[in-house]
Amino acid sequence: MFRAASARMRTDYGGGRPCPVYFFIFFLYNSIVSTELHSAKMDSFFRGFLDIEGFAGIDKSLNGIQVDNDGSEIGKIAFGVDANMETFERAAAAGAGMLFVHHGLFWGEPLRLSGGHRRRIKFLLDHNICLYAVHLPLDGHPETGNNAALAKLLGLENIEPFGLYHGKKIGYKGTFVKALTIDEAVRKIGFMGRPPVGVYPFGKKENTSCAIISGGAAFEARQAIEEGLDLYVTGEASHQIYHECLEGKLNMIAGGHYSTEVWGVRAVMRRCAEELHIDTEFIDVPTGL
């Protein structure tokens, strides 16, 4: 239909010359088509700045599209930390065609489609929601990552990669412009005023250096001790690391796995809204852990 109409417009102008109206309609048509966002286009967009391929050998998460939709255009993207039924239901209620999460449904081993796992996937398929997950590539990203965001909240300078994990550094370390107490640091990184899981003031009263790895990285505190840093910020604490931090005189904040990992998905959400001009929404489902 479009070809037929355009052909008529070309001949209507006469003299064998192209019709200006044709060029205008052709440009308008292509502009409309190019702005449509589908899951494949969103996958390319995310892979354009998140190093999904670079982490493929060390991240158990199946990063990228985990459950696709039927190819329909995506008009709204919901963002959350975890893939769970509450998040799915709220994404569907919000009219989202895609859900971007940090913790997806697939973690490097086969799962039977039964029980809760089947119900979750069936819900996504029934509501035509594409599930997209990004784990370690989001933790380690220097701009939109969880650890970079926490470093910015703390006001760190002289920032360098930190925290070797299977040959890649996924966290960051730096120095404070002005020394901070551990309580001051807690106030800077608290999400919506929620308290941390644990605060362990085992070192100096005022901290001049800090290392950060969000989520479940309690044992990487050993690397902070080895490097002589004052403060270590992560998500979870561990009984096994307690005495090593105490004896190593390392201050440690366990800010909560969830609360230290809201920052990356929210940063990606802002980037999508700014660059793609798409409707977005953050779905907050805290665990308190």
Protein backbone atom coordinates (compact mmCIF):
# COMPACT_ATOMS: atom_id res chain seq x y z
CA MET A 1 0.00 0.00 0.00
CA PHE A 2 2.77 2.42 0.91
CA ARG A 3 4.74 1.49 -2.23
CA ALA A 4 1.69 2.04 -4.43
CA ALA A 5 0.93 5.42 -2.92
CA SER A 6 4.55 6.54 -3.21
CA ALA A 7 4.70 5.46 -6.82
CA ARG A 8 1.65 7.58 -7.64
CA MET A 9 3.20 10.58 -5.90
CA ARG A 10 6.38 10.26 -7.94
CA THR A 11 4.51 10.22 -11.26
CA ASP A 12 2.04 12.92 -10.21
CA TYR A 13 4.84 15.47 -9.84
CA GLY A 14 5.65 15.17 -13.55
CA GLY A 15 8.80 15.62 -15.57
CA GLY A 16 10.35 12.49 -14.13
CA ARG A 17 11.42 14.45 -11.10
CA PRO A 18 10.96 13.01 -7.57
CA CYS A 19 8.06 14.47 -5.66
CA PRO A 20 9.01 16.45 -2.50
CA VAL A 21 5.87 15.16 -0.80
CA TYR A 22 7.10 11.63 -1.36
CA PHE A 23 10.39 12.36 0.40
CA PHE A 24 8.56 13.94 3.33
CA ILE A 25 6.22 10.96 3.77
CA PHE A 26 9.10 8.50 3.33
CA PHE A 27 11.10 10.32 6.02
CA LEU A 28 8.09 10.46 8.35
CA TYR A 29 7.31 6.77 7.82
CA ASN A 30 10.88 5.70 8.58
CA SER A 31 11.00 7.94 11.64
CA ILE A 32 7.91 6.27 13.07
CA VAL A 33 9.23 2.78 12.37
CA SER A 34 12.69 3.50 13.78
CA THR A 35 11.30 4.78 17.09
CA GLU A 36 9.39 1.58 17.80
CA LEU A 37 11.07 -0.33 20.60
CA HIS A 38 11.02 -4.11 20.54
CA SER A 39 12.88 -6.56 22.75
CA ALA A 40 15.65 -7.12 20.17
CA LYS A 41 16.23 -3.38 19.88
CA MET A 42 16.27 -3.00 23.67
CA ASP A 43 18.75 -5.88 23.91
CA SER A 44 21.07 -4.06 21.50
CA PHE A 45 20.66 -0.84 23.47
CA PHE A 46 21.59 -2.46 26.80
CA ARG A 47 24.50 -4.39 25.30
CA GLY A 48 25.76 -1.12 23.87
CA PHE A 49 26.87 0.06 27.31
CA LEU A 50 26.70 -2.99 29.61
CA ASP A 51 29.53 -5.51 29.11
CA ILE A 52 27.32 -8.58 29.01
CA GLU A 53 29.64 -10.57 26.75
CA GLY A 54 32.69 -9.69 28.84
CA PHE A 55 31.17 -11.30 31.94
CA ALA A 56 29.74 -14.36 30.18
CA GLY A 57 32.45 -16.69 31.45
CA ILE A 58 32.26 -15.73 35.12
CA ASP A 59 28.67 -14.69 35.82
CA LYS A 60 26.21 -17.48 36.61
CA SER A 61 23.32 -15.21 35.70
CA LEU A 62 21.82 -15.64 32.23
CA ASN A 63 22.31 -11.98 31.39
CA GLY A 64 20.13 -10.46 28.70
CA ILE A 65 16.67 -11.56 27.62
CA GLN A 66 15.52 -14.37 29.93
CA VAL A 67 11.87 -14.53 28.85
CA ASP A 68 10.87 -12.79 25.62
CA ASN A 69 7.54 -11.29 24.64
CA ASP A 70 5.76 -12.04 21.36
CA GLY A 71 7.59 -9.32 19.45
CA SER A 72 5.14 -6.56 20.30
CA GLU A 73 6.30 -2.98 20.65
CA ILE A 74 7.40 -2.03 24.17
CA GLY A 75 5.82 1.19 25.37
CA LYS A 76 6.91 1.09 29.00
CA ILE A 77 9.77 -0.51 30.93
CA ALA A 78 9.55 -1.41 34.61
CA PHE A 79 12.70 -1.74 36.70
CA GLY A 80 13.26 -3.78 39.85
CA VAL A 81 15.98 -5.51 41.80
CA ASP A 82 14.52 -9.03 41.86
CA ALA A 83 12.45 -11.25 39.57
CA ASN A 84 9.50 -12.32 41.74
CA MET A 85 5.72 -12.51 41.52
CA GLU A 86 5.07 -9.25 43.35
CA THR A 87 7.34 -7.38 40.97
CA PHE A 88 5.76 -9.14 37.97
CA GLU A 89 2.23 -8.33 39.10
CA ARG A 90 3.05 -4.69 39.72
CA ALA A 91 4.83 -4.43 36.36
CA ALA A 92 1.76 -5.85 34.62
CA ALA A 93 -0.55 -3.50 36.53
CA ALA A 94 1.64 -0.58 35.43
CA GLY A 95 1.30 -1.62 31.78
CA ALA A 96 4.98 -2.48 31.28
CA GLY A 97 6.01 -4.53 28.26
CA MET A 98 9.48 -5.18 29.66
CA LEU A 99 10.89 -5.71 33.14
CA PHE A 100 14.58 -5.01 33.73
CA VAL A 101 16.01 -6.64 36.88
CA HIS A 102 19.36 -7.22 38.56
CA HIS A 103 18.50 -10.72 39.81
CA GLY A 104 16.72 -12.81 37.19
CA LEU A 105 15.26 -16.31 37.13
CA PHE A 106 18.12 -18.28 35.55
CA TRP A 107 21.45 -18.88 37.27
CA GLY A 108 23.54 -21.29 35.24
CA GLU A 109 21.72 -24.52 35.93
CA PRO A 110 18.61 -26.14 34.41
CA LEU A 111 15.33 -25.70 36.26
CA ARG A 112 12.18 -27.75 35.82
CA LEU A 113 9.15 -25.77 34.73
CA SER A 114 7.16 -26.70 37.81
CA GLY A 115 5.90 -25.09 40.99
CA GLY A 116 6.76 -21.45 41.57
CA HIS A 117 9.19 -21.30 38.65
CA ARG A 118 6.43 -22.38 36.24
CA ARG A 119 3.98 -19.89 37.74
CA ARG A 120 6.42 -17.02 37.33
CA ILE A 121 7.22 -17.80 33.70
CA LYS A 122 3.56 -18.43 32.88
CA PHE A 123 2.65 -15.05 34.33
CA LEU A 124 5.24 -13.30 32.15
CA LEU A 125 4.02 -15.12 29.04
CA ASP A 126 0.34 -14.54 29.84
CA HIS A 127 0.97 -10.81 30.28
CA ASN A 128 3.42 -10.58 27.36
CA ILE A 129 6.22 -9.11 29.49
CA CYS A 130 9.84 -9.45 28.39
CA LEU A 131 12.13 -10.20 31.34
CA TYR A 132 15.64 -8.75 31.03
CA ALA A 133 18.32 -9.44 33.67
CA VAL A 134 21.80 -7.99 34.16
CA HIS A 135 23.90 -9.07 37.14
CA LEU A 136 27.68 -8.53 37.35
CA PRO A 137 27.88 -6.24 34.29
CA LEU A 138 25.58 -3.89 36.18
CA ASP A 139 27.52 -4.16 39.45
CA GLY A 140 30.78 -3.20 37.78
CA HIS A 141 29.70 -0.53 35.29
CA PRO A 142 31.67 2.70 35.87
CA GLU A 143 28.66 4.98 35.35
CA THR A 144 25.38 3.12 35.80
CA GLY A 145 26.64 0.40 38.14
CA ASN A 146 25.66 -0.23 41.75
CA ASN A 147 29.19 0.27 43.02
CA ALA A 148 29.82 3.42 41.01
CA ALA A 149 26.57 4.89 42.32
CA LEU A 150 27.53 4.11 45.92
CA ALA A 151 30.96 5.68 45.38
CA LYS A 152 29.26 8.81 44.09
CA LEU A 153 26.87 8.91 47.07
CA LEU A 154 29.84 8.67 49.44
CA GLY A 155 31.68 11.41 47.57
CA LEU A 156 34.75 9.30 46.83
CA GLU A 157 37.61 10.67 44.76
CA ASN A 158 40.63 9.00 43.12
CA ILE A 159 38.35 6.11 42.25
CA GLU A 160 39.92 2.86 41.03
CA PRO A 161 38.60 -0.65 40.35
CA PHE A 162 38.58 -2.97 43.36
CA GLY A 163 37.56 -6.49 44.28
CA LEU A 164 38.96 -9.24 42.07
CA TYR A 165 36.32 -11.83 41.15
CA HIS A 166 37.37 -14.57 38.71
CA GLY A 167 39.89 -12.24 37.11
CA LYS A 168 37.66 -9.15 36.92
CA LYS A 169 37.38 -6.28 39.38
CA ILE A 170 33.71 -5.56 39.96
CA GLY A 171 33.90 -2.96 42.76
CA TYR A 172 35.54 0.40 43.34
CA LYS A 173 37.75 2.05 45.93
CA GLY A 174 38.69 5.64 46.58
CA THR A 175 39.45 8.33 49.12
CA PHE A 176 37.27 10.86 50.92
CA VAL A 177 37.87 14.56 50.38
CA LYS A 178 37.06 14.98 54.05
CA ALA A 179 37.30 12.10 56.51
CA LEU A 180 33.96 10.49 57.39
CA THR A 181 32.80 8.57 60.43
CA ILE A 182 31.08 5.26 59.79
CA ASP A 183 27.74 6.73 60.87
CA GLU A 184 28.10 9.59 58.38
CA ALA A 185 28.79 7.06 55.65
CA VAL A 186 25.67 5.09 56.60
CA ARG A 187 23.51 8.19 56.24
CA LYS A 188 24.92 8.94 52.79
CA ILE A 189 24.10 5.53 51.27
CA GLY A 190 20.77 4.71 52.91
CA PHE A 191 18.01 4.14 50.35
CA MET A 192 14.78 5.87 51.39
CA GLY A 193 16.10 6.12 54.93
CA ARG A 194 16.14 2.36 55.45
CA PRO A 195 18.62 1.12 58.06
CA PRO A 196 21.61 -1.06 57.12
CA VAL A 197 21.71 -4.74 58.00
CA GLY A 198 24.81 -4.22 60.14
CA VAL A 199 27.41 -1.63 61.08
CA TYR A 200 30.77 -2.83 62.41
CA PRO A 201 33.01 -0.03 63.78
CA PHE A 202 36.18 -2.05 64.16
CA GLY A 203 38.69 0.49 62.87
CA LYS A 204 39.43 4.18 62.84
CA LYS A 205 36.89 6.70 64.07
CA GLU A 206 37.33 8.73 60.88
CA ASN A 207 37.75 7.03 57.52
CA THR A 208 39.90 8.40 54.72
CA SER A 209 39.60 5.49 52.28
CA CYS A 210 36.83 3.12 51.27
CA ALA A 211 36.10 0.10 49.08
CA ILE A 212 32.68 -0.92 47.78
CA ILE A 213 31.16 -4.11 46.39
CA SER A 214 27.36 -4.25 46.54
CA GLY A 215 25.26 -7.30 47.34
CA GLY A 216 26.70 -10.53 48.73
CA ALA A 217 30.41 -9.76 48.94
CA ALA A 218 31.27 -10.09 52.62
CA PHE A 219 34.42 -12.11 51.98
CA GLU A 220 35.90 -9.45 49.73
CA ALA A 221 36.49 -7.55 52.99
CA ARG A 222 39.72 -9.55 53.10
CA GLN A 223 40.94 -7.65 50.04
CA ALA A 224 40.13 -4.36 51.76
CA ILE A 225 42.19 -5.45 54.78
CA GLU A 226 45.09 -6.51 52.55
CA GLU A 227 45.07 -3.09 50.86
CA GLY A 228 45.00 -1.24 54.16
CA LEU A 229 41.68 0.51 53.55
CA ASP A 230 39.66 2.08 56.35
CA LEU A 231 36.08 1.25 55.38
CA TYR A 232 34.40 -1.51 53.42
CA VAL A 233 30.82 -1.21 52.15
CA THR A 234 28.87 -4.23 50.91
CA GLY A 235 25.35 -5.62 51.12
CA GLU A 236 25.55 -8.65 53.39
CA ALA A 237 27.49 -9.51 56.52
CA SER A 238 28.90 -12.93 57.40
CA HIS A 239 29.64 -14.62 60.69
CA GLN A 240 32.78 -16.10 59.14
CA ILE A 241 34.31 -12.72 58.31
CA TYR A 242 33.45 -10.95 61.58
CA HIS A 243 36.67 -11.68 63.48
CA GLU A 244 38.87 -11.07 60.44
CA CYS A 245 37.44 -7.55 60.16
CA LEU A 246 37.75 -7.04 63.91
CA GLU A 247 41.37 -8.18 64.04
CA GLY A 248 42.18 -6.35 60.79
CA LYS A 249 40.71 -3.12 62.23
CA LEU A 250 38.42 -2.68 59.22
CA ASN A 251 35.22 -0.68 59.54
CA MET A 252 32.43 -2.40 57.63
CA ILE A 253 28.90 -1.46 56.59
CA ALA A 254 26.50 -4.18 55.48
CA GLY A 255 23.96 -1.91 53.85
CA GLY A 256 21.64 -4.72 52.79
CA HIS A 257 21.78 -6.79 49.62
CA TYR A 258 18.63 -5.16 48.30
CA SER A 259 19.37 -1.59 49.38
CA THR A 260 22.89 -1.59 47.90
CA GLU A 261 21.57 -2.84 44.57
CA VAL A 262 18.68 -0.50 43.83
CA TRP A 263 21.12 2.05 42.42
CA GLY A 264 22.15 0.31 39.20
CA VAL A 265 18.67 -0.49 37.91
CA ARG A 266 17.57 3.06 38.76
CA ALA A 267 20.52 4.51 36.84
CA VAL A 268 19.68 2.37 33.80
CA MET A 269 16.06 3.49 34.15
CA ARG A 270 17.10 7.14 33.97
CA ARG A 271 19.27 6.44 30.94
CA CYS A 272 16.37 4.76 29.13
CA ALA A 273 14.05 7.67 29.90
CA GLU A 274 16.59 10.26 28.75
CA GLU A 275 17.90 8.54 25.62
CA LEU A 276 14.88 6.55 24.43
CA HIS A 277 12.11 8.85 25.70
CA ILE A 278 10.19 5.83 26.93
CA ASP A 279 7.90 5.61 29.95
CA THR A 280 9.65 3.99 32.93
CA GLU A 281 8.80 3.00 36.49
CA PHE A 282 10.82 1.65 39.43
CA ILE A 283 9.09 -1.10 41.40
CA ASP A 284 10.33 -1.12 44.98
CA VAL A 285 9.98 -4.53 46.65
CA PRO A 286 12.42 -4.41 49.61
CA THR A 287 13.41 -7.54 51.49
CA GLY A 288 15.05 -5.85 54.48
CA LEU A 289 18.07 -8.09 53.84
